[in-house]
Protein backbone atom coordinates (compact mmCIF):
# COMPACT_ATOMS: atom_id res chain seq x y z
CA UNK A 1 47.58 84.77 109.85
CA UNK A 2 44.17 85.87 108.54
CA UNK A 3 42.80 85.59 112.04
CA UNK A 4 45.20 88.35 112.97
CA UNK A 5 44.14 90.32 109.89
CA UNK A 6 40.51 90.10 110.94
CA UNK A 7 40.99 90.74 114.66
CA UNK A 8 39.06 93.97 115.21
CA UNK A 9 40.64 96.73 117.27
CA UNK A 10 38.70 99.15 119.41
CA UNK A 11 38.47 102.69 118.04
CA UNK A 12 38.44 105.89 119.99
CA UNK A 13 36.10 107.37 117.37
CA UNK A 14 32.57 107.83 118.28
CA UNK A 15 29.24 107.14 116.85
CA UNK A 16 51.88 101.71 84.88
CA UNK A 17 52.03 100.08 81.74
CA UNK A 18 51.41 103.12 79.56
CA UNK A 19 50.75 106.14 81.69
CA UNK A 20 53.04 108.91 80.49
CA UNK A 21 52.51 112.00 82.51
CA UNK A 22 51.70 114.70 79.93
CA UNK A 23 55.22 114.85 78.64
CA UNK A 24 56.84 114.17 82.03
CA UNK A 25 58.18 110.77 83.01
CA UNK A 26 57.12 109.13 86.24
CA UNK A 27 59.70 106.64 87.50
CA UNK A 28 57.81 104.08 89.56
CA UNK A 29 59.98 101.87 91.71
CA UNK A 30 58.52 98.66 90.36
CA UNK A 31 61.91 96.93 90.60
CA UNK A 32 61.38 96.81 94.38
CA UNK A 33 58.49 94.34 94.11
CA UNK A 34 59.27 91.25 96.09
CA UNK A 35 62.29 92.78 97.80
CA UNK A 36 60.77 92.43 101.25
CA UNK A 37 58.78 89.24 100.81
CA UNK A 38 57.80 87.36 103.92
CA UNK A 39 55.27 84.84 105.14
CA UNK A 40 56.80 81.39 104.85
CA UNK A 41 53.78 79.47 106.14
CA UNK A 42 52.04 77.29 103.55
CA UNK A 43 49.12 78.56 101.54
CA UNK A 44 45.67 77.40 102.67
CA UNK A 45 44.04 74.36 101.15
CA UNK A 46 42.14 75.03 97.90
CA UNK A 47 38.51 76.02 98.35
CA UNK A 48 35.96 78.51 97.12
CA UNK A 49 37.77 81.86 97.07
CA UNK A 50 36.35 84.96 98.69
CA UNK A 51 37.70 88.44 98.04
CA UNK A 52 36.58 91.59 99.87
CA UNK A 53 37.47 94.94 98.31
CA UNK A 54 36.89 97.97 100.56
CA UNK A 55 37.35 101.36 98.95
CA UNK A 56 38.10 104.19 101.37
CA UNK A 57 37.34 107.23 99.27
CA UNK A 58 40.01 109.92 99.48
CA UNK A 59 42.35 108.07 101.87
CA UNK A 60 46.05 108.78 101.24
CA UNK A 61 48.77 106.22 102.02
CA UNK A 62 50.37 108.61 104.50
CA UNK A 63 47.81 107.52 107.09
CA UNK A 64 49.02 103.91 107.25
CA UNK A 65 52.68 104.52 106.38
CA UNK A 66 53.35 106.47 109.59
CA UNK A 67 51.80 105.39 112.86
CA UNK A 68 50.92 108.67 114.53
CA UNK A 69 50.01 108.52 118.24
CA UNK A 70 47.44 111.25 117.51
CA UNK A 71 45.61 108.99 115.05
CA UNK A 72 44.02 105.73 116.16
CA UNK A 73 43.65 103.35 113.19
CA UNK A 74 43.97 99.85 114.66
CA UNK A 75 42.28 98.01 111.81
CA UNK A 76 44.11 99.62 108.90
CA UNK A 77 47.46 99.32 110.63
CA UNK A 78 46.85 95.69 111.52
CA UNK A 79 46.00 94.87 107.92
CA UNK A 80 49.19 96.59 106.79
CA UNK A 81 51.36 94.80 109.36
CA UNK A 82 49.85 91.37 108.73
CA UNK A 83 49.65 91.74 104.95
CA UNK A 84 51.35 93.69 102.18
CA UNK A 85 51.00 97.27 101.03
CA UNK A 86 52.05 99.99 98.60
CA UNK A 87 53.71 103.27 99.49
CA UNK A 88 51.64 104.97 96.79
CA UNK A 89 49.27 104.19 93.93
CA UNK A 90 49.14 106.25 90.74
CA UNK A 91 45.52 107.22 90.10
CA UNK A 92 43.88 108.22 86.81
CA UNK A 93 43.16 111.55 85.11
CA UNK A 94 41.17 113.22 86.41
CA UNK A 95 41.87 111.81 89.87
CA UNK A 96 38.21 111.70 90.87
CA UNK A 97 35.94 108.98 92.20
CA UNK A 98 34.04 107.51 89.28
CA UNK A 99 36.83 107.10 86.70
CA UNK A 100 39.14 105.76 89.41
CA UNK A 101 36.62 103.25 90.76
CA UNK A 102 35.93 102.00 87.25
CA UNK A 103 39.66 101.47 86.78
CA UNK A 104 39.69 99.56 90.09
CA UNK A 105 37.26 96.99 88.64
CA UNK A 106 38.46 96.89 85.01
CA UNK A 107 42.22 97.43 85.10
CA UNK A 108 41.82 99.95 82.28
CA UNK A 109 42.28 103.71 82.02
CA UNK A 110 39.31 106.04 81.37
CA UNK A 111 39.97 106.30 77.62
CA UNK A 112 39.32 102.56 77.39
CA UNK A 113 36.69 101.91 80.05
CA UNK A 114 34.47 104.87 79.12
CA UNK A 115 33.84 106.52 82.51
CA UNK A 116 35.73 109.72 81.92
CA UNK A 117 34.81 112.04 84.80
CA UNK A 118 32.23 112.03 87.59
CA UNK A 119 29.77 114.10 85.52
CA UNK A 120 28.34 112.23 82.54
CA UNK A 121 26.83 115.09 80.50
CA UNK A 122 28.80 117.00 77.87
CA UNK A 123 26.11 119.29 76.42
CA UNK A 124 26.68 122.76 77.90
CA UNK A 125 24.03 123.59 80.48
CA UNK A 126 22.25 120.22 80.28
CA UNK A 127 22.22 117.43 82.89
CA UNK A 128 25.03 119.08 84.80
CA UNK A 129 24.16 117.08 87.94
CA UNK A 130 23.99 113.65 86.30
CA UNK A 131 26.89 111.35 87.08
CA UNK A 132 28.13 108.15 85.47
CA UNK A 133 25.79 106.06 87.62
CA UNK A 134 24.92 103.30 85.16
CA UNK A 135 27.06 100.25 84.47
CA UNK A 136 26.18 100.28 80.77
CA UNK A 137 28.65 103.18 80.42
CA UNK A 138 31.53 100.75 81.02
CA UNK A 139 32.97 99.60 77.68
CA UNK A 140 35.22 96.77 78.89
CA UNK A 141 34.80 93.65 81.08
CA UNK A 142 34.53 94.17 84.83
CA UNK A 143 35.37 91.99 87.80
CA UNK A 144 31.70 91.13 88.26
CA UNK A 145 31.45 90.12 84.59
CA UNK A 146 34.40 87.77 84.98
CA UNK A 147 33.09 86.38 88.26
CA UNK A 148 29.69 85.61 86.75
CA UNK A 149 31.30 83.96 83.73
CA UNK A 150 33.17 81.66 86.13
CA UNK A 151 30.10 80.93 88.27
CA UNK A 152 31.20 82.99 91.28
CA UNK A 153 28.78 85.17 93.22
CA UNK A 154 29.10 88.92 93.64
CA UNK A 155 27.80 91.70 95.87
CA UNK A 156 28.24 95.45 95.86
CA UNK A 157 27.42 98.24 98.28
CA UNK A 158 27.52 101.77 96.86
CA UNK A 159 30.25 100.95 94.35
CA UNK A 160 30.26 103.67 91.69
CA UNK A 161 28.92 102.96 88.19
CA UNK A 162 26.97 99.83 89.18
CA UNK A 163 23.33 100.78 88.61
CA UNK A 164 22.02 97.98 86.41
CA UNK A 165 25.21 95.93 86.79
CA UNK A 166 25.12 92.12 86.60
CA UNK A 167 25.89 91.83 90.33
CA UNK A 168 23.98 89.21 92.30
CA UNK A 169 23.26 91.38 95.36
CA UNK A 170 23.64 94.99 94.35
CA UNK A 171 23.00 98.27 96.17
CA UNK A 172 24.45 100.80 93.70
CA UNK A 173 25.59 104.32 94.41
CA UNK A 174 23.01 106.61 92.85
CA UNK A 175 20.97 109.59 94.00
CA UNK A 176 18.22 111.87 92.79
CA UNK A 177 19.97 114.84 91.11
CA UNK A 178 17.04 117.10 91.99
CA UNK A 179 17.64 116.62 95.72
CA UNK A 180 21.30 115.49 95.79
CA UNK A 181 20.59 113.44 98.90
CA UNK A 182 23.54 111.09 98.64
CA UNK A 183 22.06 107.95 100.19
CA UNK A 184 18.28 108.00 100.02
CA UNK A 185 17.35 104.34 100.56
CA UNK A 186 13.92 104.85 99.04
CA UNK A 187 15.49 106.18 95.83
CA UNK A 188 18.30 103.61 95.77
CA UNK A 189 15.76 100.78 96.12
CA UNK A 190 14.58 101.52 92.57
CA UNK A 191 18.01 100.53 91.23
CA UNK A 192 19.07 97.84 93.71
CA UNK A 193 18.54 94.10 93.27
CA UNK A 194 14.75 93.71 93.49
CA UNK A 195 13.61 93.02 97.03
CA UNK A 196 17.08 93.30 98.54
CA UNK A 197 16.75 96.54 100.50
CA UNK A 198 13.27 95.65 101.88
CA UNK A 199 14.77 92.31 102.93
CA UNK A 200 17.61 94.02 104.78
CA UNK A 201 15.28 96.54 106.44
CA UNK A 202 12.93 93.76 107.53
CA UNK A 203 15.86 92.00 109.16
CA UNK A 204 17.75 94.95 110.65
CA UNK A 205 15.05 97.57 111.00
CA UNK A 206 15.07 101.09 109.53
CA UNK A 207 18.08 103.34 110.15
CA UNK A 208 17.80 105.93 112.89
CA UNK A 209 17.32 109.52 111.72
CA UNK A 210 20.64 111.22 111.06
CA UNK A 211 22.58 107.99 110.54
CA UNK A 212 25.60 108.76 108.35
CA UNK A 213 25.98 107.09 104.96
CA UNK A 214 29.00 104.96 105.90
CA UNK A 215 27.11 103.46 108.83
CA UNK A 216 24.26 102.52 106.48
CA UNK A 217 26.64 101.11 103.89
CA UNK A 218 28.51 99.12 106.53
CA UNK A 219 25.28 97.62 107.87
CA UNK A 220 24.34 96.56 104.34
CA UNK A 221 27.79 95.07 103.70
CA UNK A 222 27.76 93.15 106.99
CA UNK A 223 24.33 91.74 106.19
CA UNK A 224 25.33 90.60 102.69
CA UNK A 225 28.56 89.00 103.88
CA UNK A 226 26.88 87.05 106.65
CA UNK A 227 23.72 86.12 104.73
CA UNK A 228 25.00 85.42 101.21
CA UNK A 229 28.77 84.94 101.56
CA UNK A 230 29.59 86.31 98.08
CA UNK A 231 32.84 85.32 96.40
CA UNK A 232 33.49 88.94 95.46
CA UNK A 233 32.32 91.79 97.69
CA UNK A 234 32.79 95.46 96.73
CA UNK A 235 32.19 98.18 99.35
CA UNK A 236 32.60 101.95 98.91
CA UNK A 237 32.84 104.19 102.01
CA UNK A 238 32.76 107.96 101.47
CA UNK A 239 32.33 109.97 104.68
CA UNK A 240 36.04 110.78 105.02
CA UNK A 241 36.06 112.18 101.48
CA UNK A 242 33.00 114.28 102.29
CA UNK A 243 34.63 115.72 105.41
CA UNK A 244 37.95 116.45 103.68
CA UNK A 245 36.19 118.58 101.08
CA UNK A 246 34.94 120.81 103.90
CA UNK A 247 37.56 120.61 106.65
CA UNK A 248 41.33 121.05 106.39
CA UNK A 249 43.52 117.97 106.57
CA UNK A 250 44.53 117.33 110.17
CA UNK A 251 41.55 119.20 111.60
CA UNK A 252 39.64 117.58 114.47
CA UNK A 253 36.77 116.88 112.07
CA UNK A 254 39.03 115.09 109.59
CA UNK A 255 40.77 113.06 112.30
CA UNK A 256 37.44 111.98 113.79
CA UNK A 257 36.14 110.99 110.36
CA UNK A 258 39.20 108.89 109.61
CA UNK A 259 39.04 107.10 112.94
CA UNK A 260 35.35 106.46 112.37
CA UNK A 261 36.20 105.05 108.95
CA UNK A 262 38.67 102.66 110.53
CA UNK A 263 35.93 101.51 112.90
CA UNK A 264 33.64 100.80 109.93
CA UNK A 265 36.40 98.68 108.38
CA UNK A 266 36.63 96.78 111.66
CA UNK A 267 32.91 96.01 111.57
CA UNK A 268 33.18 94.58 108.07
CA UNK A 269 36.19 92.44 109.04
CA UNK A 270 34.28 91.16 112.04
CA UNK A 271 31.43 90.14 109.73
CA UNK A 272 33.85 88.08 107.63
CA UNK A 273 34.97 86.22 110.72
CA UNK A 274 31.44 85.71 112.02
CA UNK A 275 30.40 84.38 108.61
CA UNK A 276 33.06 81.67 108.94
CA UNK A 277 34.99 83.02 105.95
CA UNK A 278 38.27 84.00 107.58
CA UNK A 279 40.18 81.07 106.08
CA UNK A 280 39.07 81.78 102.53
CA UNK A 281 38.87 85.60 102.36
CA UNK A 282 41.53 88.00 101.15
CA UNK A 283 40.96 91.67 101.91
CA UNK A 284 41.99 94.51 99.62
CA UNK A 285 41.77 98.00 101.11
CA UNK A 286 42.11 100.55 98.33
CA UNK A 287 41.37 104.17 97.56
CA UNK A 288 40.79 106.23 94.46
CA UNK A 289 42.87 109.36 95.06
CA UNK A 290 44.46 111.54 97.70
CA UNK A 291 43.56 115.08 98.75
CA UNK A 292 45.10 118.53 98.43
CA UNK A 293 44.34 121.56 100.65
CA UNK A 294 42.68 124.51 98.93
CA UNK A 295 41.65 128.05 99.87
CA UNK A 296 41.18 129.73 96.47
CA UNK A 297 39.04 129.08 93.39
CA UNK A 298 39.33 129.68 89.65
CA UNK A 299 36.26 129.98 87.41
CA UNK A 300 37.34 129.76 83.76
CA UNK A 301 33.70 129.72 82.61
CA UNK A 302 33.46 133.42 83.46
CA UNK A 303 36.12 134.17 80.84
CA UNK A 304 34.58 131.78 78.32
CA UNK A 305 31.19 133.50 78.70
CA UNK A 306 32.78 136.91 78.13
CA UNK A 307 34.38 135.56 74.96
CA UNK A 308 31.03 134.35 73.64
CA UNK A 309 32.03 130.69 73.77
CA UNK A 310 29.53 129.89 76.56
CA UNK A 311 26.21 131.38 77.70
CA UNK A 312 25.12 131.81 81.33
CA UNK A 313 21.70 131.88 82.99
CA UNK A 314 20.40 134.22 85.68
CA UNK A 315 21.74 131.89 88.40
CA UNK A 316 25.28 132.29 87.11
CA UNK A 317 25.71 128.83 85.60
CA UNK A 318 26.35 127.70 82.05
CA UNK A 319 23.15 127.40 80.00
CA UNK A 320 24.57 126.73 76.53
CA UNK A 321 27.37 127.59 74.17
CA UNK A 322 29.66 126.58 71.37
CA UNK A 323 31.90 124.57 73.67
CA UNK A 324 31.48 122.47 76.82
CA UNK A 325 33.46 122.34 80.05
CA UNK A 326 33.75 120.06 83.07
CA UNK A 327 35.32 121.17 86.36
CA UNK A 328 37.04 118.34 88.25
CA UNK A 329 38.42 120.18 91.27
CA UNK A 330 42.11 120.25 90.43
CA UNK A 331 41.56 120.06 86.67
CA UNK A 332 39.26 121.69 84.12
CA UNK A 333 38.38 120.06 80.80
CA UNK A 334 37.36 121.95 77.66
CA UNK A 335 35.52 120.36 74.71
CA UNK A 336 34.47 121.57 71.28
CA UNK A 337 33.27 119.84 68.10
CA UNK A 338 35.92 117.94 66.18
CA UNK A 339 35.01 119.67 62.94
CA UNK A 340 35.55 123.15 64.42
CA UNK A 341 38.94 124.69 65.16
CA UNK A 342 38.24 126.74 68.29
CA UNK A 343 41.64 126.36 69.97
CA UNK A 344 42.71 129.91 69.15
CA UNK A 345 39.53 131.43 70.57
CA UNK A 346 39.72 129.32 73.71
CA UNK A 347 43.39 130.18 74.25
CA UNK A 348 42.67 133.89 73.84
CA UNK A 349 39.76 133.74 76.28
CA UNK A 350 41.85 131.98 78.92
CA UNK A 351 44.89 134.24 78.53
CA UNK A 352 44.09 136.17 81.76
CA UNK A 353 44.65 132.96 83.73
CA UNK A 354 48.14 132.61 82.28
CA UNK A 355 48.84 136.30 82.83
CA UNK A 356 47.85 136.00 86.52
CA UNK A 357 49.98 132.90 86.98
CA UNK A 358 47.06 130.78 88.23
CA UNK A 359 47.63 127.79 85.98
CA UNK A 360 49.96 124.94 86.99
CA UNK A 361 49.91 123.87 83.37
CA UNK A 362 47.89 123.03 80.27
CA UNK A 363 47.65 119.48 78.93
CA UNK A 364 46.98 119.17 75.21
CA UNK A 365 45.59 116.23 73.27
CA UNK A 366 48.82 114.21 72.92
CA UNK A 367 49.43 114.53 76.65
CA UNK A 368 45.84 113.57 77.42
CA UNK A 369 46.16 110.51 75.19
CA UNK A 370 49.31 109.46 77.05
CA UNK A 371 47.41 109.79 80.32
CA UNK A 372 44.57 107.60 79.07
CA UNK A 373 42.06 110.42 79.56
CA UNK A 374 38.80 111.00 77.68
CA UNK A 375 39.53 111.22 73.93
CA UNK A 376 37.00 114.04 73.38
CA UNK A 377 38.85 116.53 75.63
CA UNK A 378 40.52 119.22 73.55
CA UNK A 379 42.61 120.66 76.38
CA UNK A 380 42.85 120.44 80.16
CA UNK A 381 43.80 123.15 82.63
CA UNK A 382 45.67 122.12 85.77
CA UNK A 383 45.32 124.17 88.96
CA UNK A 384 48.33 125.15 91.10
CA UNK A 385 48.66 124.19 94.75
CA UNK A 386 45.94 125.71 96.90
CA UNK A 387 43.51 126.27 94.00
CA UNK A 388 40.40 124.47 92.76
CA UNK A 389 38.36 124.99 89.61
CA UNK A 390 34.70 125.94 89.94
CA UNK A 391 31.89 125.67 87.39
CA UNK A 392 30.37 129.10 88.04
CA UNK A 393 29.93 131.40 85.02
CA UNK A 394 29.73 134.81 86.67
CA UNK A 395 31.45 136.73 89.46
CA UNK A 396 35.17 136.71 90.18
CA UNK A 397 37.47 134.69 87.97
CA UNK A 398 39.87 134.10 90.86
CA UNK A 399 38.87 134.45 94.49
CA UNK A 400 39.18 133.10 98.00
CA UNK A 401 36.93 130.33 99.23
CA UNK A 402 34.60 131.06 102.13
CA UNK A 403 36.54 128.51 104.18
CA UNK A 404 39.59 126.37 103.47
CA UNK A 405 38.95 122.78 102.48
CA UNK A 406 40.34 120.12 100.19
CA UNK A 407 39.91 118.66 96.72
CA UNK A 408 41.36 116.25 94.16
CA UNK A 409 41.13 115.79 90.39
CA UNK A 410 44.70 116.94 89.67
CA UNK A 411 47.21 115.09 87.52
CA UNK A 412 47.79 111.73 89.19
CA UNK A 413 51.56 112.06 89.49
CA UNK A 414 51.24 115.01 91.87
CA UNK A 415 52.29 113.51 95.19
CA UNK A 416 49.19 114.47 97.16
CA UNK A 417 46.99 112.56 94.69
CA UNK A 418 48.49 109.15 95.49
CA UNK A 419 45.94 106.47 96.36
CA UNK A 420 46.22 103.57 98.82
CA UNK A 421 46.65 99.80 98.64
CA UNK A 422 46.77 97.17 101.39
CA UNK A 423 46.17 93.44 100.93
CA UNK A 424 45.86 90.84 103.68
CA UNK A 425 44.62 87.27 103.84
CA UNK A 426 45.42 83.57 103.55
CA UNK A 427 46.64 83.81 99.94
CA UNK A 428 48.56 87.08 100.45
CA UNK A 429 52.24 87.27 101.36
CA UNK A 430 53.11 89.00 104.57
CA UNK A 431 55.57 91.87 104.85
CA UNK A 432 55.82 92.77 101.16
CA UNK A 433 56.34 96.44 100.32
CA UNK A 434 55.14 96.90 96.73
CA UNK A 435 56.49 100.46 96.74
CA UNK A 436 54.61 102.20 93.89
CA UNK A 437 52.07 100.78 91.51
CA UNK A 438 49.43 102.01 89.05
CA UNK A 439 45.73 101.82 89.82
CA UNK A 440 45.36 99.59 86.76
CA UNK A 441 47.21 96.82 88.66
CA UNK A 442 44.44 96.29 91.21
CA UNK A 443 41.69 94.64 89.14
CA UNK A 444 43.91 92.01 87.44
CA UNK A 445 45.33 91.16 90.88
CA UNK A 446 41.86 90.74 92.39
CA UNK A 447 40.88 88.58 89.41
CA UNK A 448 43.88 86.31 89.97
CA UNK A 449 42.96 86.07 93.65
CA UNK A 450 39.52 84.84 92.60
CA UNK A 451 41.26 82.00 90.79
CA UNK A 452 40.47 83.37 87.33
CA UNK A 453 43.14 83.47 84.63
CA UNK A 454 42.25 85.85 81.81
CA UNK A 455 45.31 87.33 80.07
CA UNK A 456 43.09 89.78 78.18
CA UNK A 457 41.63 91.34 81.32
CA UNK A 458 43.07 94.71 82.25
CA UNK A 459 45.99 96.62 80.83
CA UNK A 460 48.72 94.66 82.61
CA UNK A 461 49.40 91.39 84.42
CA UNK A 462 48.44 90.91 88.07
CA UNK A 463 50.88 91.57 90.90
CA UNK A 464 52.08 87.98 91.04
CA UNK A 465 54.64 88.64 93.80
CA UNK A 466 51.80 89.57 96.13
CA UNK A 467 50.65 85.98 96.45
CA UNK A 468 52.05 83.07 98.42
CA UNK A 469 53.42 80.12 96.49
């Protein structure tokens, strides 16, 4: 069956144990697990396990649930047909890349694993472009920690929060905040496994000018699979997310990017087969969040500056203040010192947003705790449909974007934020619809697939029904 999973199609593209939803109850159809089990053929003979986890940043389950003739995704659809899948995956809060990807490798929510948002800084006006790049921010065991402890090898290509991680062959996702060039190989080399990138370039040659980041990441992943055959391989592909931020969902640009993403998946699957690993490799295709269309922005910092709670510089950005804020697209977090009671001042400053009806809701500390969000957040603002939060500190409080686009970061139970899950391989049952599951279920399931039994890993047990007897 895995041979069918790995058979690469031609692309037309060119080139929930404790998540309570801020006072609302999400009813996940977990009772449907196992209802459509299939795959009666015997499990493969025991041998060294290999698990490949491919994260498709920003890919919603809608793309593999309905087979549109206008969208050519042969590899994703084949994996779904020959394996098992979920109709939706509940992400984390905020539903952004770095907290979600850390949950994908720890099985824990942000409050426990320590990667709370994409941006790492909390001092107003300082290090506003620094992200949670470094693995030492993670407070709980990861999949690569467990693999190393059990003498299994690991590799990672652009997986978030892996700079300095104990990964055998590691090319982390990190960039120079002064240039914000997202995949500068020269810069990344400083944080990758010593000698690894020069080794790859010596073998494959330098990338052509203008090569997109997913093509580079795929070439690196293919090389590592074929050369080192790691037991656990983590790959993060991001071009579709980048396009969705700029182009409306369903636009020609978004369709082309998604089809190109499917082609990259096909190249990685082909590498597994060429490496002779098809009989021992299970593939997990996951994502971190969905996407919502937007055409308007909200800038709460403008109001907070007027109230004297923040200060702004001549460029119109926060330079200091008595509080701190982080904009996450669909959500906006506000912080102030524990010993100071600034809730009244903050509420008064933000009153114009309530008066204009441009808040979907406000999540207070008990709700944030139930969501497993960062403990230091004092309150969170949630944007309504069509709106995103900006970090600007001057100009209009509410205005239209220059062009429509998309974003994420909203509460995870909002339908458009659902993430994806497909599993396929020799140890995976065929034809199982898992219905809905929390993002915290992925890491314990991958760990079980690696043959590791650690009841203390993650916030919940693995998806045992996913596996063949």
